[in-house]
Amino acid sequence: MIKTYTDCPVEYTASLLGNKWRPLILRELLEGTKRYNELTRNIVGVSAKVLTENLRALEDSGILVRTVYPEVPPRVEYSLTDKGWQLQPVIEAMRSFGLRYRDSD
C-alpha cells in the first residue's frame, strides 16, 4: 500500500476520518454493531453510493469489519475493530466541541 500522508500524526488521523460522513459512521458504530439499513436511517442525507464508498474505505483502513452471514437474504453487519475503538476519544471531542459551539455561530 502506498502511503498518501506525511509523517504528521494529525494528517494521518484526518486521512482516516476523510470527510463529513466518516465521523458520522463512527458515531453510529460506537453505539454498537449496525446493519446497513440502520446506518442509512441514522445518517441523514447520505446517499447509498457515498455510504458504501465510505464503509469500504473504513474497512480498508482497518477501522471497521464487515461481517456477512450466509442467510437468504444475506445479512451484513458492520462493527468497529480495536483500531476503530481507539478513535472514540476523537469523536467524543468532536461531540463536546459541537455541543459547546454549535449555537454560537
PDB file of N, CA and C in Angstrom:
ATOM      1  N   MET A   1       0.847  -1.196   0.000  1.00  0.00           N
ATOM      2  CA  MET A   1       0.000   0.000   0.000  1.00  0.00           C
ATOM      3  C   MET A   1       0.882   1.245   0.000  1.00  0.00           C
ATOM      4  N   ILE A   2       0.574   2.190  -0.846  1.00  0.00           N
ATOM      5  CA  ILE A   2       1.308   3.445  -0.933  1.00  0.00           C
ATOM      6  C   ILE A   2       0.719   4.430   0.063  1.00  0.00           C
ATOM      7  N   LYS A   3       1.572   4.995   0.899  1.00  0.00           N
ATOM      8  CA  LYS A   3       1.112   5.987   1.864  1.00  0.00           C
ATOM      9  C   LYS A   3       0.836   7.294   1.153  1.00  0.00           C
ATOM     10  N   THR A   4      -0.283   7.901   1.471  1.00  0.00           N
ATOM     11  CA  THR A   4      -0.642   9.169   0.838  1.00  0.00           C
ATOM     12  C   THR A   4      -0.607  10.318   1.833  1.00  0.00           C
ATOM     13  N   TYR A   5      -0.002  10.102   2.986  1.00  0.00           N
ATOM     14  CA  TYR A   5       0.073  11.128   4.010  1.00  0.00           C
ATOM     15  C   TYR A   5       1.529  11.307   4.416  1.00  0.00           C
ATOM     16  N   THR A   6       1.814  12.398   5.075  1.00  0.00           N
ATOM     17  CA  THR A   6       3.166  12.658   5.545  1.00  0.00           C
ATOM     18  C   THR A   6       3.366  11.980   6.890  1.00  0.00           C
ATOM     19  N   ASP A   7       4.459  12.282   7.549  1.00  0.00           N
ATOM     20  CA  ASP A   7       4.739  11.718   8.868  1.00  0.00           C
ATOM     21  C   ASP A   7       3.938  12.412   9.969  1.00  0.00           C
ATOM     22  N   CYS A   8       3.152  13.396   9.620  1.00  0.00           N
ATOM     23  CA  CYS A   8       2.375  14.156  10.599  1.00  0.00           C
ATOM     24  C   CYS A   8       1.222  13.308  11.150  1.00  0.00           C
ATOM     25  N   PRO A   9       1.162  13.088  12.463  1.00  0.00           N
ATOM     26  CA  PRO A   9       0.091  12.268  13.031  1.00  0.00           C
ATOM     27  C   PRO A   9      -1.298  12.888  12.879  1.00  0.00           C
ATOM     28  N   VAL A  10      -1.395  14.199  12.869  1.00  0.00           N
ATOM     29  CA  VAL A  10      -2.691  14.849  12.679  1.00  0.00           C
ATOM     30  C   VAL A  10      -3.191  14.593  11.263  1.00  0.00           C
ATOM     31  N   GLU A  11      -2.291  14.682  10.292  1.00  0.00           N
ATOM     32  CA  GLU A  11      -2.680  14.420   8.902  1.00  0.00           C
ATOM     33  C   GLU A  11      -3.109  12.968   8.722  1.00  0.00           C
ATOM     34  N   TYR A  12      -2.406  12.039   9.378  1.00  0.00           N
ATOM     35  CA  TYR A  12      -2.788  10.630   9.293  1.00  0.00           C
ATOM     36  C   TYR A  12      -4.202  10.418   9.838  1.00  0.00           C
ATOM     37  N   THR A  13      -4.482  10.973  11.009  1.00  0.00           N
ATOM     38  CA  THR A  13      -5.814  10.835  11.607  1.00  0.00           C
ATOM     39  C   THR A  13      -6.868  11.476  10.722  1.00  0.00           C
ATOM     40  N   ALA A  14      -6.564  12.640  10.184  1.00  0.00           N
ATOM     41  CA  ALA A  14      -7.505  13.309   9.278  1.00  0.00           C
ATOM     42  C   ALA A  14      -7.762  12.461   8.042  1.00  0.00           C
ATOM     43  N   SER A  15      -6.739  11.748   7.563  1.00  0.00           N
ATOM     44  CA  SER A  15      -6.937  10.898   6.387  1.00  0.00           C
ATOM     45  C   SER A  15      -7.872   9.732   6.699  1.00  0.00           C
ATOM     46  N   LEU A  16      -7.868   9.249   7.932  1.00  0.00           N
ATOM     47  CA  LEU A  16      -8.792   8.185   8.323  1.00  0.00           C
ATOM     48  C   LEU A  16     -10.218   8.713   8.401  1.00  0.00           C
ATOM     49  N   LEU A  17     -10.365   9.904   8.945  1.00  0.00           N
ATOM     50  CA  LEU A  17     -11.697  10.490   9.080  1.00  0.00           C
ATOM     51  C   LEU A  17     -12.211  10.960   7.729  1.00  0.00           C
ATOM     52  N   GLY A  18     -11.326  11.423   6.868  1.00  0.00           N
ATOM     53  CA  GLY A  18     -11.616  11.649   5.464  1.00  0.00           C
ATOM     54  C   GLY A  18     -12.579  12.748   5.098  1.00  0.00           C
ATOM     55  N   ASN A  19     -13.803  12.650   5.515  1.00  0.00           N
ATOM     56  CA  ASN A  19     -14.828  13.586   5.075  1.00  0.00           C
ATOM     57  C   ASN A  19     -15.908  13.688   6.147  1.00  0.00           C
ATOM     58  N   LYS A  20     -16.971  14.385   5.857  1.00  0.00           N
ATOM     59  CA  LYS A  20     -18.000  14.589   6.886  1.00  0.00           C
ATOM     60  C   LYS A  20     -18.765  13.315   7.218  1.00  0.00           C
ATOM     61  N   TRP A  21     -18.764  12.328   6.331  1.00  0.00           N
ATOM     62  CA  TRP A  21     -19.559  11.122   6.569  1.00  0.00           C
ATOM     63  C   TRP A  21     -18.871  10.122   7.481  1.00  0.00           C
ATOM     64  N   ARG A  22     -17.563  10.016   7.414  1.00  0.00           N
ATOM     65  CA  ARG A  22     -16.867   9.003   8.214  1.00  0.00           C
ATOM     66  C   ARG A  22     -17.005   9.203   9.713  1.00  0.00           C
ATOM     67  N   PRO A  23     -16.874  10.423  10.232  1.00  0.00           N
ATOM     68  CA  PRO A  23     -17.119  10.584  11.676  1.00  0.00           C
ATOM     69  C   PRO A  23     -18.556  10.216  12.062  1.00  0.00           C
ATOM     70  N   LEU A  24     -19.511  10.452  11.160  1.00  0.00           N
ATOM     71  CA  LEU A  24     -20.899  10.090  11.464  1.00  0.00           C
ATOM     72  C   LEU A  24     -21.086   8.574  11.463  1.00  0.00           C
ATOM     73  N   ILE A  25     -20.389   7.884  10.580  1.00  0.00           N
ATOM     74  CA  ILE A  25     -20.412   6.422  10.585  1.00  0.00           C
ATOM     75  C   ILE A  25     -19.803   5.917  11.892  1.00  0.00           C
ATOM     76  N   LEU A  26     -18.678   6.498  12.284  1.00  0.00           N
ATOM     77  CA  LEU A  26     -18.039   6.106  13.541  1.00  0.00           C
ATOM     78  C   LEU A  26     -18.950   6.384  14.731  1.00  0.00           C
ATOM     79  N   ARG A  27     -19.617   7.522  14.717  1.00  0.00           N
ATOM     80  CA  ARG A  27     -20.570   7.853  15.786  1.00  0.00           C
ATOM     81  C   ARG A  27     -21.590   6.737  15.952  1.00  0.00           C
ATOM     82  N   GLU A  28     -22.121   6.256  14.838  1.00  0.00           N
ATOM     83  CA  GLU A  28     -23.125   5.190  14.885  1.00  0.00           C
ATOM     84  C   GLU A  28     -22.535   3.878  15.391  1.00  0.00           C
ATOM     85  N   LEU A  29     -21.362   3.534  14.910  1.00  0.00           N
ATOM     86  CA  LEU A  29     -20.769   2.252  15.290  1.00  0.00           C
ATOM     87  C   LEU A  29     -20.226   2.247  16.718  1.00  0.00           C
ATOM     88  N   LEU A  30     -19.982   3.427  17.278  1.00  0.00           N
ATOM     89  CA  LEU A  30     -19.597   3.500  18.686  1.00  0.00           C
ATOM     90  C   LEU A  30     -20.750   3.079  19.595  1.00  0.00           C
ATOM     91  N   GLU A  31     -21.954   3.102  19.073  1.00  0.00           N
ATOM     92  CA  GLU A  31     -23.126   2.636  19.830  1.00  0.00           C
ATOM     93  C   GLU A  31     -23.272   1.124  19.745  1.00  0.00           C
ATOM     94  N   GLY A  32     -22.549   0.484  18.809  1.00  0.00           N
ATOM     95  CA  GLY A  32     -22.613  -0.963  18.657  1.00  0.00           C
ATOM     96  C   GLY A  32     -22.709  -1.358  17.195  1.00  0.00           C
ATOM     97  N   THR A  33     -22.740  -2.649  16.966  1.00  0.00           N
ATOM     98  CA  THR A  33     -22.828  -3.215  15.627  1.00  0.00           C
ATOM     99  C   THR A  33     -24.109  -2.748  14.946  1.00  0.00           C
ATOM    100  N   LYS A  34     -23.989  -2.392  13.678  1.00  0.00           N
ATOM    101  CA  LYS A  34     -25.152  -1.904  12.920  1.00  0.00           C
ATOM    102  C   LYS A  34     -25.225  -2.591  11.569  1.00  0.00           C
ATOM    103  N   ARG A  35     -26.440  -2.716  11.091  1.00  0.00           N
ATOM    104  CA  ARG A  35     -26.673  -3.186   9.733  1.00  0.00           C
ATOM    105  C   ARG A  35     -26.717  -1.979   8.802  1.00  0.00           C
ATOM    106  N   TYR A  36     -26.567  -2.256   7.519  1.00  0.00           N
ATOM    107  CA  TYR A  36     -26.510  -1.186   6.520  1.00  0.00           C
ATOM    108  C   TYR A  36     -27.729  -0.264   6.602  1.00  0.00           C
ATOM    109  N   ASN A  37     -28.918  -0.846   6.688  1.00  0.00           N
ATOM    110  CA  ASN A  37     -30.136  -0.022   6.718  1.00  0.00           C
ATOM    111  C   ASN A  37     -30.212   0.846   7.970  1.00  0.00           C
ATOM    112  N   GLU A  38     -29.674   0.364   9.081  1.00  0.00           N
ATOM    113  CA  GLU A  38     -29.639   1.191  10.289  1.00  0.00           C
ATOM    114  C   GLU A  38     -28.748   2.407  10.073  1.00  0.00           C
ATOM    115  N   LEU A  39     -27.612   2.181   9.431  1.00  0.00           N
ATOM    116  CA  LEU A  39     -26.709   3.297   9.151  1.00  0.00           C
ATOM    117  C   LEU A  39     -27.377   4.295   8.208  1.00  0.00           C
ATOM    118  N   THR A  40     -28.037   3.792   7.182  1.00  0.00           N
ATOM    119  CA  THR A  40     -28.726   4.655   6.223  1.00  0.00           C
ATOM    120  C   THR A  40     -29.783   5.507   6.921  1.00  0.00           C
ATOM    121  N   ARG A  41     -30.531   4.888   7.817  1.00  0.00           N
ATOM    122  CA  ARG A  41     -31.594   5.583   8.541  1.00  0.00           C
ATOM    123  C   ARG A  41     -31.044   6.640   9.498  1.00  0.00           C
ATOM    124  N   ASN A  42     -29.923   6.342  10.157  1.00  0.00           N
ATOM    125  CA  ASN A  42     -29.413   7.211  11.209  1.00  0.00           C
ATOM    126  C   ASN A  42     -28.464   8.300  10.728  1.00  0.00           C
ATOM    127  N   ILE A  43     -27.942   8.168   9.510  1.00  0.00           N
ATOM    128  CA  ILE A  43     -27.039   9.189   8.966  1.00  0.00           C
ATOM    129  C   ILE A  43     -27.820   9.964   7.910  1.00  0.00           C
ATOM    130  N   VAL A  44     -28.430  11.019   8.343  1.00  0.00           N
ATOM    131  CA  VAL A  44     -29.334  11.793   7.496  1.00  0.00           C
ATOM    132  C   VAL A  44     -28.570  12.451   6.351  1.00  0.00           C
ATOM    133  N   GLY A  45     -29.090  12.255   5.131  1.00  0.00           N
ATOM    134  CA  GLY A  45     -28.542  12.927   3.967  1.00  0.00           C
ATOM    135  C   GLY A  45     -27.502  12.154   3.185  1.00  0.00           C
ATOM    136  N   VAL A  46     -27.052  11.011   3.689  1.00  0.00           N
ATOM    137  CA  VAL A  46     -26.034  10.252   2.967  1.00  0.00           C
ATOM    138  C   VAL A  46     -26.700   9.371   1.916  1.00  0.00           C
ATOM    139  N   SER A  47     -26.130   9.368   0.714  1.00  0.00           N
ATOM    140  CA  SER A  47     -26.673   8.513  -0.344  1.00  0.00           C
ATOM    141  C   SER A  47     -26.126   7.096  -0.186  1.00  0.00           C
ATOM    142  N   ALA A  48     -26.787   6.148  -0.809  1.00  0.00           N
ATOM    143  CA  ALA A  48     -26.351   4.753  -0.738  1.00  0.00           C
ATOM    144  C   ALA A  48     -24.931   4.606  -1.287  1.00  0.00           C
ATOM    145  N   LYS A  49     -24.656   5.271  -2.392  1.00  0.00           N
ATOM    146  CA  LYS A  49     -23.333   5.191  -3.023  1.00  0.00           C
ATOM    147  C   LYS A  49     -22.251   5.727  -2.097  1.00  0.00           C
ATOM    148  N   VAL A  50     -22.487   6.882  -1.520  1.00  0.00           N
ATOM    149  CA  VAL A  50     -21.498   7.520  -0.651  1.00  0.00           C
ATOM    150  C   VAL A  50     -21.302   6.700   0.625  1.00  0.00           C
ATOM    151  N   LEU A  51     -22.373   6.180   1.191  1.00  0.00           N
ATOM    152  CA  LEU A  51     -22.251   5.355   2.383  1.00  0.00           C
ATOM    153  C   LEU A  51     -21.425   4.113   2.083  1.00  0.00           C
ATOM    154  N   THR A  52     -21.722   3.443   0.986  1.00  0.00           N
ATOM    155  CA  THR A  52     -20.989   2.240   0.606  1.00  0.00           C
ATOM    156  C   THR A  52     -19.508   2.540   0.388  1.00  0.00           C
ATOM    157  N   GLU A  53     -19.201   3.625  -0.309  1.00  0.00           N
ATOM    158  CA  GLU A  53     -17.803   4.006  -0.550  1.00  0.00           C
ATOM    159  C   GLU A  53     -17.060   4.248   0.764  1.00  0.00           C
ATOM    160  N   ASN A  54     -17.716   4.931   1.689  1.00  0.00           N
ATOM    161  CA  ASN A  54     -17.070   5.242   2.959  1.00  0.00           C
ATOM    162  C   ASN A  54     -16.930   4.017   3.847  1.00  0.00           C
ATOM    163  N   LEU A  55     -17.912   3.134   3.823  1.00  0.00           N
ATOM    164  CA  LEU A  55     -17.789   1.888   4.579  1.00  0.00           C
ATOM    165  C   LEU A  55     -16.620   1.063   4.053  1.00  0.00           C
ATOM    166  N   ARG A  56     -16.472   0.999   2.745  1.00  0.00           N
ATOM    167  CA  ARG A  56     -15.344   0.259   2.147  1.00  0.00           C
ATOM    168  C   ARG A  56     -14.008   0.883   2.525  1.00  0.00           C
ATOM    169  N   ALA A  57     -13.939   2.211   2.489  1.00  0.00           N
ATOM    170  CA  ALA A  57     -12.692   2.899   2.842  1.00  0.00           C
ATOM    171  C   ALA A  57     -12.329   2.651   4.304  1.00  0.00           C
ATOM    172  N   LEU A  58     -13.320   2.694   5.189  1.00  0.00           N
ATOM    173  CA  LEU A  58     -13.060   2.434   6.604  1.00  0.00           C
ATOM    174  C   LEU A  58     -12.653   0.984   6.831  1.00  0.00           C
ATOM    175  N   GLU A  59     -13.231   0.087   6.066  1.00  0.00           N
ATOM    176  CA  GLU A  59     -12.846  -1.320   6.149  1.00  0.00           C
ATOM    177  C   GLU A  59     -11.410  -1.501   5.655  1.00  0.00           C
ATOM    178  N   ASP A  60     -11.075  -0.873   4.547  1.00  0.00           N
ATOM    179  CA  ASP A  60      -9.710  -0.951   4.003  1.00  0.00           C
ATOM    180  C   ASP A  60      -8.676  -0.368   4.960  1.00  0.00           C
ATOM    181  N   SER A  61      -9.080   0.620   5.749  1.00  0.00           N
ATOM    182  CA  SER A  61      -8.183   1.253   6.722  1.00  0.00           C
ATOM    183  C   SER A  61      -8.087   0.467   8.024  1.00  0.00           C
ATOM    184  N   GLY A  62      -8.874  -0.580   8.150  1.00  0.00           N
ATOM    185  CA  GLY A  62      -8.844  -1.375   9.374  1.00  0.00           C
ATOM    186  C   GLY A  62      -9.625  -0.781  10.520  1.00  0.00           C
ATOM    187  N   ILE A  63     -10.538   0.141  10.210  1.00  0.00           N
ATOM    188  CA  ILE A  63     -11.343   0.816  11.232  1.00  0.00           C
ATOM    189  C   ILE A  63     -12.587   0.016  11.568  1.00  0.00           C
ATOM    190  N   LEU A  64     -13.166  -0.631  10.581  1.00  0.00           N
ATOM    191  CA  LEU A  64     -14.356  -1.442  10.833  1.00  0.00           C
ATOM    192  C   LEU A  64     -14.234  -2.780  10.130  1.00  0.00           C
ATOM    193  N   VAL A  65     -15.071  -3.687  10.563  1.00  0.00           N
ATOM    194  CA  VAL A  65     -15.125  -5.005   9.947  1.00  0.00           C
ATOM    195  C   VAL A  65     -16.543  -5.231   9.443  1.00  0.00           C
ATOM    196  N   ARG A  66     -16.609  -5.819   8.263  1.00  0.00           N
ATOM    197  CA  ARG A  66     -17.890  -6.136   7.613  1.00  0.00           C
ATOM    198  C   ARG A  66     -18.081  -7.642   7.727  1.00  0.00           C
ATOM    199  N   THR A  67     -19.183  -8.056   8.352  1.00  0.00           N
ATOM    200  CA  THR A  67     -19.474  -9.466   8.530  1.00  0.00           C
ATOM    201  C   THR A  67     -20.710  -9.821   7.718  1.00  0.00           C
ATOM    202  N   VAL A  68     -20.564 -10.804   6.832  1.00  0.00           N
ATOM    203  CA  VAL A  68     -21.671 -11.265   6.003  1.00  0.00           C
ATOM    204  C   VAL A  68     -22.103 -12.633   6.525  1.00  0.00           C
ATOM    205  N   TYR A  69     -23.386 -12.756   6.827  1.00  0.00           N
ATOM    206  CA  TYR A  69     -23.934 -14.014   7.317  1.00  0.00           C
ATOM    207  C   TYR A  69     -24.587 -14.752   6.157  1.00  0.00           C
ATOM    208  N   PRO A  70     -24.313 -16.054   6.037  1.00  0.00           N
ATOM    209  CA  PRO A  70     -24.850 -16.832   4.909  1.00  0.00           C
ATOM    210  C   PRO A  70     -26.331 -17.160   5.094  1.00  0.00           C
ATOM    211  N   GLU A  71     -27.147 -16.170   4.892  1.00  0.00           N
ATOM    212  CA  GLU A  71     -28.599 -16.311   5.017  1.00  0.00           C
ATOM    213  C   GLU A  71     -29.230 -15.826   3.720  1.00  0.00           C
ATOM    214  N   VAL A  72     -30.498 -16.101   3.563  1.00  0.00           N
ATOM    215  CA  VAL A  72     -31.238 -15.589   2.414  1.00  0.00           C
ATOM    216  C   VAL A  72     -32.382 -14.748   2.940  1.00  0.00           C
ATOM    217  N   PRO A  73     -32.384 -13.444   2.683  1.00  0.00           N
ATOM    218  CA  PRO A  73     -31.328 -12.665   2.029  1.00  0.00           C
ATOM    219  C   PRO A  73     -30.111 -12.525   2.951  1.00  0.00           C
ATOM    220  N   PRO A  74     -28.936 -12.241   2.376  1.00  0.00           N
ATOM    221  CA  PRO A  74     -27.731 -12.124   3.202  1.00  0.00           C
ATOM    222  C   PRO A  74     -27.863 -10.990   4.213  1.00  0.00           C
ATOM    223  N   ARG A  75     -27.374 -11.250   5.403  1.00  0.00           N
ATOM    224  CA  ARG A  75     -27.360 -10.223   6.453  1.00  0.00           C
ATOM    225  C   ARG A  75     -25.929  -9.738   6.588  1.00  0.00           C
ATOM    226  N   VAL A  76     -25.754  -8.419   6.538  1.00  0.00           N
ATOM    227  CA  VAL A  76     -24.426  -7.805   6.637  1.00  0.00           C
ATOM    228  C   VAL A  76     -24.428  -6.873   7.838  1.00  0.00           C
ATOM    229  N   GLU A  77     -23.398  -7.004   8.676  1.00  0.00           N
ATOM    230  CA  GLU A  77     -23.262  -6.144   9.842  1.00  0.00           C
ATOM    231  C   GLU A  77     -21.893  -5.485   9.847  1.00  0.00           C
ATOM    232  N   TYR A  78     -21.854  -4.286  10.390  1.00  0.00           N
ATOM    233  CA  TYR A  78     -20.625  -3.519  10.498  1.00  0.00           C
ATOM    234  C   TYR A  78     -20.340  -3.255  11.962  1.00  0.00           C
ATOM    235  N   SER A  79     -19.082  -3.432  12.342  1.00  0.00           N
ATOM    236  CA  SER A  79     -18.676  -3.140  13.706  1.00  0.00           C
ATOM    237  C   SER A  79     -17.246  -2.613  13.696  1.00  0.00           C
ATOM    238  N   LEU A  80     -16.889  -1.938  14.770  1.00  0.00           N
ATOM    239  CA  LEU A  80     -15.558  -1.353  14.867  1.00  0.00           C
ATOM    240  C   LEU A  80     -14.527  -2.407  15.245  1.00  0.00           C
ATOM    241  N   THR A  81     -13.333  -2.234  14.723  1.00  0.00           N
ATOM    242  CA  THR A  81     -12.187  -3.034  15.134  1.00  0.00           C
ATOM    243  C   THR A  81     -11.571  -2.358  16.366  1.00  0.00           C
ATOM    244  N   ASP A  82     -10.532  -2.963  16.915  1.00  0.00           N
ATOM    245  CA  ASP A  82      -9.824  -2.316  18.029  1.00  0.00           C
ATOM    246  C   ASP A  82      -9.286  -0.955  17.600  1.00  0.00           C
ATOM    247  N   LYS A  83      -8.772  -0.896  16.378  1.00  0.00           N
ATOM    248  CA  LYS A  83      -8.273   0.384  15.845  1.00  0.00           C
ATOM    249  C   LYS A  83      -9.404   1.409  15.763  1.00  0.00           C
ATOM    250  N   GLY A  84     -10.585   0.967  15.358  1.00  0.00           N
ATOM    251  CA  GLY A  84     -11.736   1.859  15.286  1.00  0.00           C
ATOM    252  C   GLY A  84     -12.148   2.390  16.646  1.00  0.00           C
ATOM    253  N   TRP A  85     -12.116   1.518  17.647  1.00  0.00           N
ATOM    254  CA  TRP A  85     -12.479   1.943  19.000  1.00  0.00           C
ATOM    255  C   TRP A  85     -11.495   2.977  19.547  1.00  0.00           C
ATOM    256  N   GLN A  86     -10.268   2.947  19.055  1.00  0.00           N
ATOM    257  CA  GLN A  86      -9.275   3.925  19.506  1.00  0.00           C
ATOM    258  C   GLN A  86      -9.621   5.345  19.048  1.00  0.00           C
ATOM    259  N   LEU A  87     -10.526   5.469  18.091  1.00  0.00           N
ATOM    260  CA  LEU A  87     -10.972   6.794  17.632  1.00  0.00           C
ATOM    261  C   LEU A  87     -12.098   7.369  18.494  1.00  0.00           C
ATOM    262  N   GLN A  88     -12.572   6.605  19.469  1.00  0.00           N
ATOM    263  CA  GLN A  88     -13.665   7.083  20.322  1.00  0.00           C
ATOM    264  C   GLN A  88     -13.358   8.438  20.968  1.00  0.00           C
ATOM    265  N   PRO A  89     -12.161   8.654  21.552  1.00  0.00           N
ATOM    266  CA  PRO A  89     -11.905   9.976  22.151  1.00  0.00           C
ATOM    267  C   PRO A  89     -11.951  11.115  21.131  1.00  0.00           C
ATOM    268  N   VAL A  90     -11.567  10.837  19.886  1.00  0.00           N
ATOM    269  CA  VAL A  90     -11.609  11.864  18.842  1.00  0.00           C
ATOM    270  C   VAL A  90     -13.059  12.244  18.553  1.00  0.00           C
ATOM    271  N   ILE A  91     -13.912  11.242  18.407  1.00  0.00           N
ATOM    272  CA  ILE A  91     -15.334  11.501  18.133  1.00  0.00           C
ATOM    273  C   ILE A  91     -15.984  12.182  19.331  1.00  0.00           C
ATOM    274  N   GLU A  92     -15.623  11.761  20.535  1.00  0.00           N
ATOM    275  CA  GLU A  92     -16.176  12.403  21.739  1.00  0.00           C
ATOM    276  C   GLU A  92     -15.731  13.860  21.834  1.00  0.00           C
ATOM    277  N   ALA A  93     -14.489  14.152  21.461  1.00  0.00           N
ATOM    278  CA  ALA A  93     -14.013  15.541  21.458  1.00  0.00           C
ATOM    279  C   ALA A  93     -14.787  16.374  20.438  1.00  0.00           C
ATOM    280  N   MET A  94     -15.072  15.781  19.283  1.00  0.00           N
ATOM    281  CA  MET A  94     -15.865  16.484  18.265  1.00  0.00           C
ATOM    282  C   MET A  94     -17.277  16.746  18.780  1.00  0.00           C
ATOM    283  N   ARG A  95     -17.849  15.760  19.482  1.00  0.00           N
ATOM    284  CA  ARG A  95     -19.191  15.928  20.051  1.00  0.00           C
ATOM    285  C   ARG A  95     -19.203  17.058  21.082  1.00  0.00           C
ATOM    286  N   SER A  96     -18.216  17.057  21.970  1.00  0.00           N
ATOM    287  CA  SER A  96     -18.140  18.094  23.005  1.00  0.00           C
ATOM    288  C   SER A  96     -17.971  19.482  22.398  1.00  0.00           C
ATOM    289  N   PHE A  97     -17.099  19.582  21.411  1.00  0.00           N
ATOM    290  CA  PHE A  97     -16.881  20.858  20.738  1.00  0.00           C
ATOM    291  C   PHE A  97     -18.174  21.337  20.089  1.00  0.00           C
ATOM    292  N   GLY A  98     -18.858  20.418  19.390  1.00  0.00           N
ATOM    293  CA  GLY A  98     -20.116  20.776  18.727  1.00  0.00           C
ATOM    294  C   GLY A  98     -21.181  21.236  19.705  1.00  0.00           C
ATOM    295  N   LEU A  99     -21.293  20.544  20.834  1.00  0.00           N
ATOM    296  CA  LEU A  99     -22.275  20.945  21.844  1.00  0.00           C
ATOM    297  C   LEU A  99     -21.964  22.328  22.400  1.00  0.00           C
ATOM    298  N   ARG A 100     -20.694  22.608  22.564  1.00  0.00           N
ATOM    299  CA  ARG A 100     -20.294  23.884  23.150  1.00  0.00           C
ATOM    300  C   ARG A 100     -20.475  25.047  22.183  1.00  0.00           C
ATOM    301  N   TYR A 101     -20.194  24.831  20.889  1.00  0.00           N
ATOM    302  CA  TYR A 101     -20.105  25.970  19.972  1.00  0.00           C
ATOM    303  C   TYR A 101     -21.138  25.993  18.838  1.00  0.00           C
ATOM    304  N   ARG A 102     -21.972  24.978  18.690  1.00  0.00           N
ATOM    305  CA  ARG A 102     -22.860  24.962  17.528  1.00  0.00           C
ATOM    306  C   ARG A 102     -23.890  26.091  17.507  1.00  0.00           C
ATOM    307  N   ASP A 103     -24.284  26.573  18.657  1.00  0.00           N
ATOM    308  CA  ASP A 103     -25.301  27.637  18.708  1.00  0.00           C
ATOM    309  C   ASP A 103     -24.696  29.035  18.757  1.00  0.00           C
ATOM    310  N   SER A 104     -23.363  29.134  18.769  1.00  0.00           N
ATOM    311  CA  SER A 104     -22.738  30.463  18.902  1.00  0.00           C
ATOM    312  C   SER A 104     -22.401  31.093  17.554  1.00  0.00           C
ATOM    313  N   ASP A 105     -22.612  30.381  16.461  1.00  0.00           N
ATOM    314  CA  ASP A 105     -22.301  30.958  15.146  1.00  0.00           C
ATOM    315  C   ASP A 105     -23.399  31.850  14.641  1.00  0.00           C
TER     316      ASP A 105
END
